[in-house]
Amino acid sequence: MLRLLTAIFALVFIGAVAYADPVAVAMYKNPQCNCCDEYAKYLRQNGFNVTVTPTHNMSLISRQHGVPEKLAGCHTMLIGGYVVEGHVPVSAINKLLKEHPNIKGISLPGMPEGSPGMTGKKTKPFTVYEISDAPKVFAVE
């Protein structure tokens, strides 16, 4: 009986995961930025539904969403009620969406070499910061 219940639970769980709707991502990026396009492709390959909006007003978009200049990246995304700035690894985004912390969002500032969507080789762990009133480390990837 226990095996039967376990099997039923597994089928229901796997079915729920298989048919889950992709998470919607609204990405704002500079029209000439190719690494942002590569990052959007990375997100799509990891199950996100990405809509890209080219704009020449990236600093305005970042400010409107409460991103301090020191945490700015080359693109700004809105995901699940949060702002995500830069080439943040999917594992950090998934952690954000799972834990639902009381913050504005997360950021991998700048354009670190070897980060998702960027060329080059990763030479050290990526530090992802909270976008909050008192920014602190959210994850080290």
C-alpha atoms as a PDB file:
ATOM      1  CA  MET A   1       0.000   0.000   0.000  1.00  0.00           C
ATOM      2  CA  LEU A   2       2.831   2.392   0.898  1.00  0.00           C
ATOM      3  CA  ARG A   3       4.500   1.711  -2.461  1.00  0.00           C
ATOM      4  CA  LEU A   4       1.259   2.431  -4.283  1.00  0.00           C
ATOM      5  CA  LEU A   5       0.777   5.749  -2.450  1.00  0.00           C
ATOM      6  CA  THR A   6       4.411   6.691  -3.107  1.00  0.00           C
ATOM      7  CA  ALA A   7       4.007   5.893  -6.815  1.00  0.00           C
ATOM      8  CA  ILE A   8       0.801   7.947  -7.063  1.00  0.00           C
ATOM      9  CA  PHE A   9       2.432  10.893  -5.292  1.00  0.00           C
ATOM     10  CA  ALA A  10       5.457  10.707  -7.595  1.00  0.00           C
ATOM     11  CA  LEU A  11       3.275  10.695 -10.722  1.00  0.00           C
ATOM     12  CA  VAL A  12       1.218  13.646  -9.502  1.00  0.00           C
ATOM     13  CA  PHE A  13       4.367  15.591  -8.527  1.00  0.00           C
ATOM     14  CA  ILE A  14       6.160  14.845 -11.803  1.00  0.00           C
ATOM     15  CA  GLY A  15       3.027  15.764 -13.758  1.00  0.00           C
ATOM     16  CA  ALA A  16       2.725  19.053 -11.858  1.00  0.00           C
ATOM     17  CA  VAL A  17       6.349  19.905 -12.581  1.00  0.00           C
ATOM     18  CA  ALA A  18       6.092  18.904 -16.239  1.00  0.00           C
ATOM     19  CA  TYR A  19       3.051  21.113 -16.852  1.00  0.00           C
ATOM     20  CA  ALA A  20       4.048  24.101 -14.722  1.00  0.00           C
ATOM     21  CA  ASP A  21       3.796  27.380 -16.615  1.00  0.00           C
ATOM     22  CA  PRO A  22       7.148  29.019 -17.339  1.00  0.00           C
ATOM     23  CA  VAL A  23       7.972  32.024 -15.174  1.00  0.00           C
ATOM     24  CA  ALA A  24       7.468  35.281 -17.069  1.00  0.00           C
ATOM     25  CA  VAL A  25      10.461  37.606 -17.379  1.00  0.00           C
ATOM     26  CA  ALA A  26      10.265  41.185 -18.681  1.00  0.00           C
ATOM     27  CA  MET A  27      13.794  42.197 -19.718  1.00  0.00           C
ATOM     28  CA  TYR A  28      14.791  45.792 -20.523  1.00  0.00           C
ATOM     29  CA  LYS A  29      18.080  46.144 -22.395  1.00  0.00           C
ATOM     30  CA  ASN A  30      20.074  48.437 -24.622  1.00  0.00           C
ATOM     31  CA  PRO A  31      19.249  47.633 -28.287  1.00  0.00           C
ATOM     32  CA  GLN A  32      22.936  47.182 -29.153  1.00  0.00           C
ATOM     33  CA  CYS A  33      23.778  44.805 -26.277  1.00  0.00           C
ATOM     34  CA  ASN A  34      24.415  41.286 -27.579  1.00  0.00           C
ATOM     35  CA  CYS A  35      25.305  39.773 -24.197  1.00  0.00           C
ATOM     36  CA  CYS A  36      21.760  40.578 -23.007  1.00  0.00           C
ATOM     37  CA  ASP A  37      20.387  38.570 -25.927  1.00  0.00           C
ATOM     38  CA  GLU A  38      22.636  35.674 -24.921  1.00  0.00           C
ATOM     39  CA  TYR A  39      21.414  35.972 -21.335  1.00  0.00           C
ATOM     40  CA  ALA A  40      17.767  35.923 -22.517  1.00  0.00           C
ATOM     41  CA  LYS A  41      18.580  32.742 -24.459  1.00  0.00           C
ATOM     42  CA  TYR A  42      20.133  31.252 -21.271  1.00  0.00           C
ATOM     43  CA  LEU A  43      16.945  32.028 -19.314  1.00  0.00           C
ATOM     44  CA  ARG A  44      14.753  30.479 -22.023  1.00  0.00           C
ATOM     45  CA  GLN A  45      16.904  27.340 -21.991  1.00  0.00           C
ATOM     46  CA  ASN A  46      16.226  27.160 -18.256  1.00  0.00           C
ATOM     47  CA  GLY A  47      12.445  27.331 -18.589  1.00  0.00           C
ATOM     48  CA  PHE A  48      11.713  31.067 -18.341  1.00  0.00           C
ATOM     49  CA  ASN A  49       9.384  32.914 -20.737  1.00  0.00           C
ATOM     50  CA  VAL A  50      11.403  36.017 -21.630  1.00  0.00           C
ATOM     51  CA  THR A  51      10.039  39.141 -23.306  1.00  0.00           C
ATOM     52  CA  VAL A  52      12.772  41.585 -24.334  1.00  0.00           C
ATOM     53  CA  THR A  53      12.134  45.327 -24.589  1.00  0.00           C
ATOM     54  CA  PRO A  54      14.957  47.365 -26.145  1.00  0.00           C
ATOM     55  CA  THR A  55      15.396  50.844 -24.640  1.00  0.00           C
ATOM     56  CA  HIS A  56      17.989  53.611 -24.552  1.00  0.00           C
ATOM     57  CA  ASN A  57      16.820  54.617 -21.048  1.00  0.00           C
ATOM     58  CA  MET A  58      18.445  51.864 -18.969  1.00  0.00           C
ATOM     59  CA  SER A  59      19.518  54.195 -16.149  1.00  0.00           C
ATOM     60  CA  LEU A  60      15.932  55.460 -15.863  1.00  0.00           C
ATOM     61  CA  ILE A  61      14.537  51.886 -15.808  1.00  0.00           C
ATOM     62  CA  SER A  62      17.018  50.919 -13.069  1.00  0.00           C
ATOM     63  CA  ARG A  63      16.169  53.990 -10.963  1.00  0.00           C
ATOM     64  CA  GLN A  64      12.423  53.417 -11.381  1.00  0.00           C
ATOM     65  CA  HIS A  65      12.869  49.952  -9.885  1.00  0.00           C
ATOM     66  CA  GLY A  66      15.061  51.053  -7.001  1.00  0.00           C
ATOM     67  CA  VAL A  67      18.389  49.720  -8.249  1.00  0.00           C
ATOM     68  CA  PRO A  68      21.292  51.686  -6.750  1.00  0.00           C
ATOM     69  CA  GLU A  69      23.958  52.700  -9.267  1.00  0.00           C
ATOM     70  CA  LYS A  70      26.580  50.473  -7.606  1.00  0.00           C
ATOM     71  CA  LEU A  71      24.328  47.415  -8.208  1.00  0.00           C
ATOM     72  CA  ALA A  72      23.467  48.240 -11.827  1.00  0.00           C
ATOM     73  CA  GLY A  73      24.002  45.697 -14.577  1.00  0.00           C
ATOM     74  CA  CYS A  74      23.592  45.915 -18.326  1.00  0.00           C
ATOM     75  CA  HIS A  75      19.932  44.887 -18.263  1.00  0.00           C
ATOM     76  CA  THR A  76      17.020  45.014 -15.817  1.00  0.00           C
ATOM     77  CA  MET A  77      14.415  42.281 -15.468  1.00  0.00           C
ATOM     78  CA  LEU A  78      11.108  41.991 -13.669  1.00  0.00           C
ATOM     79  CA  ILE A  79      10.453  38.458 -12.433  1.00  0.00           C
ATOM     80  CA  GLY A  80       7.793  37.319  -9.985  1.00  0.00           C
ATOM     81  CA  GLY A  81       7.378  40.745  -8.400  1.00  0.00           C
ATOM     82  CA  TYR A  82      11.147  41.273  -8.053  1.00  0.00           C
ATOM     83  CA  VAL A  83      13.748  43.217  -9.998  1.00  0.00           C
ATOM     84  CA  VAL A  84      16.737  41.183 -11.174  1.00  0.00           C
ATOM     85  CA  GLU A  85      19.723  43.157 -12.401  1.00  0.00           C
ATOM     86  CA  GLY A  86      22.487  41.793 -14.622  1.00  0.00           C
ATOM     87  CA  HIS A  87      23.728  38.301 -15.500  1.00  0.00           C
ATOM     88  CA  VAL A  88      22.411  36.535 -12.383  1.00  0.00           C
ATOM     89  CA  PRO A  89      22.725  32.721 -12.479  1.00  0.00           C
ATOM     90  CA  VAL A  90      19.393  30.862 -12.653  1.00  0.00           C
ATOM     91  CA  SER A  91      20.097  29.138  -9.333  1.00  0.00           C
ATOM     92  CA  ALA A  92      20.012  32.517  -7.552  1.00  0.00           C
ATOM     93  CA  ILE A  93      16.789  33.511  -9.362  1.00  0.00           C
ATOM     94  CA  ASN A  94      15.184  30.210  -8.379  1.00  0.00           C
ATOM     95  CA  LYS A  95      16.276  30.766  -4.771  1.00  0.00           C
ATOM     96  CA  LEU A  96      14.688  34.241  -4.855  1.00  0.00           C
ATOM     97  CA  LEU A  97      11.407  32.910  -6.242  1.00  0.00           C
ATOM     98  CA  LYS A  98      11.322  29.991  -3.810  1.00  0.00           C
ATOM     99  CA  GLU A  99      12.208  31.883  -0.622  1.00  0.00           C
ATOM    100  CA  HIS A 100      10.257  35.109  -1.364  1.00  0.00           C
ATOM    101  CA  PRO A 101      12.423  37.397   0.820  1.00  0.00           C
ATOM    102  CA  ASN A 102      11.234  40.892   1.698  1.00  0.00           C
ATOM    103  CA  ILE A 103      13.624  42.689  -0.683  1.00  0.00           C
ATOM    104  CA  LYS A 104      13.288  44.582  -3.984  1.00  0.00           C
ATOM    105  CA  GLY A 105      15.348  42.016  -5.872  1.00  0.00           C
ATOM    106  CA  ILE A 106      18.857  40.780  -6.594  1.00  0.00           C
ATOM    107  CA  SER A 107      21.838  41.904  -8.649  1.00  0.00           C
ATOM    108  CA  LEU A 108      25.065  40.619 -10.112  1.00  0.00           C
ATOM    109  CA  PRO A 109      26.612  44.061 -10.732  1.00  0.00           C
ATOM    110  CA  GLY A 110      28.634  44.894 -13.792  1.00  0.00           C
ATOM    111  CA  MET A 111      29.215  42.299 -16.455  1.00  0.00           C
ATOM    112  CA  PRO A 112      31.422  39.613 -14.885  1.00  0.00           C
ATOM    113  CA  GLU A 113      33.413  37.556 -17.347  1.00  0.00           C
ATOM    114  CA  GLY A 114      32.089  34.004 -17.623  1.00  0.00           C
ATOM    115  CA  SER A 115      28.699  34.817 -16.095  1.00  0.00           C
ATOM    116  CA  PRO A 116      25.614  33.507 -17.953  1.00  0.00           C
ATOM    117  CA  GLY A 117      25.420  35.220 -21.329  1.00  0.00           C
ATOM    118  CA  MET A 118      28.945  36.657 -21.090  1.00  0.00           C
ATOM    119  CA  THR A 119      32.030  35.463 -22.884  1.00  0.00           C
ATOM    120  CA  GLY A 120      35.187  34.432 -21.123  1.00  0.00           C
ATOM    121  CA  LYS A 121      35.852  32.039 -18.311  1.00  0.00           C
ATOM    122  CA  LYS A 122      34.590  32.213 -14.763  1.00  0.00           C
ATOM    123  CA  THR A 123      37.641  32.771 -12.563  1.00  0.00           C
ATOM    124  CA  LYS A 124      35.976  33.221  -9.171  1.00  0.00           C
ATOM    125  CA  PRO A 125      32.553  32.795  -7.568  1.00  0.00           C
ATOM    126  CA  PHE A 126      29.906  35.364  -8.459  1.00  0.00           C
ATOM    127  CA  THR A 127      28.545  37.429  -5.573  1.00  0.00           C
ATOM    128  CA  VAL A 128      24.840  38.173  -5.992  1.00  0.00           C
ATOM    129  CA  TYR A 129      23.590  41.058  -3.833  1.00  0.00           C
ATOM    130  CA  GLU A 130      20.176  41.914  -2.432  1.00  0.00           C
ATOM    131  CA  ILE A 131      18.574  45.070  -3.726  1.00  0.00           C
ATOM    132  CA  SER A 132      17.204  46.412  -0.461  1.00  0.00           C
ATOM    133  CA  ASP A 133      17.530  49.348   1.935  1.00  0.00           C
ATOM    134  CA  ALA A 134      20.730  47.784   3.292  1.00  0.00           C
ATOM    135  CA  PRO A 135      22.204  45.664   0.444  1.00  0.00           C
ATOM    136  CA  LYS A 136      23.965  42.495   1.532  1.00  0.00           C
ATOM    137  CA  VAL A 137      25.094  39.252  -0.061  1.00  0.00           C
ATOM    138  CA  PHE A 138      22.158  37.140  -1.263  1.00  0.00           C
ATOM    139  CA  ALA A 139      24.132  34.234  -2.747  1.00  0.00           C
ATOM    140  CA  VAL A 140      27.600  33.257  -3.862  1.00  0.00           C
ATOM    141  CA  GLU A 141      27.469  31.196  -7.052  1.00  0.00           C
END
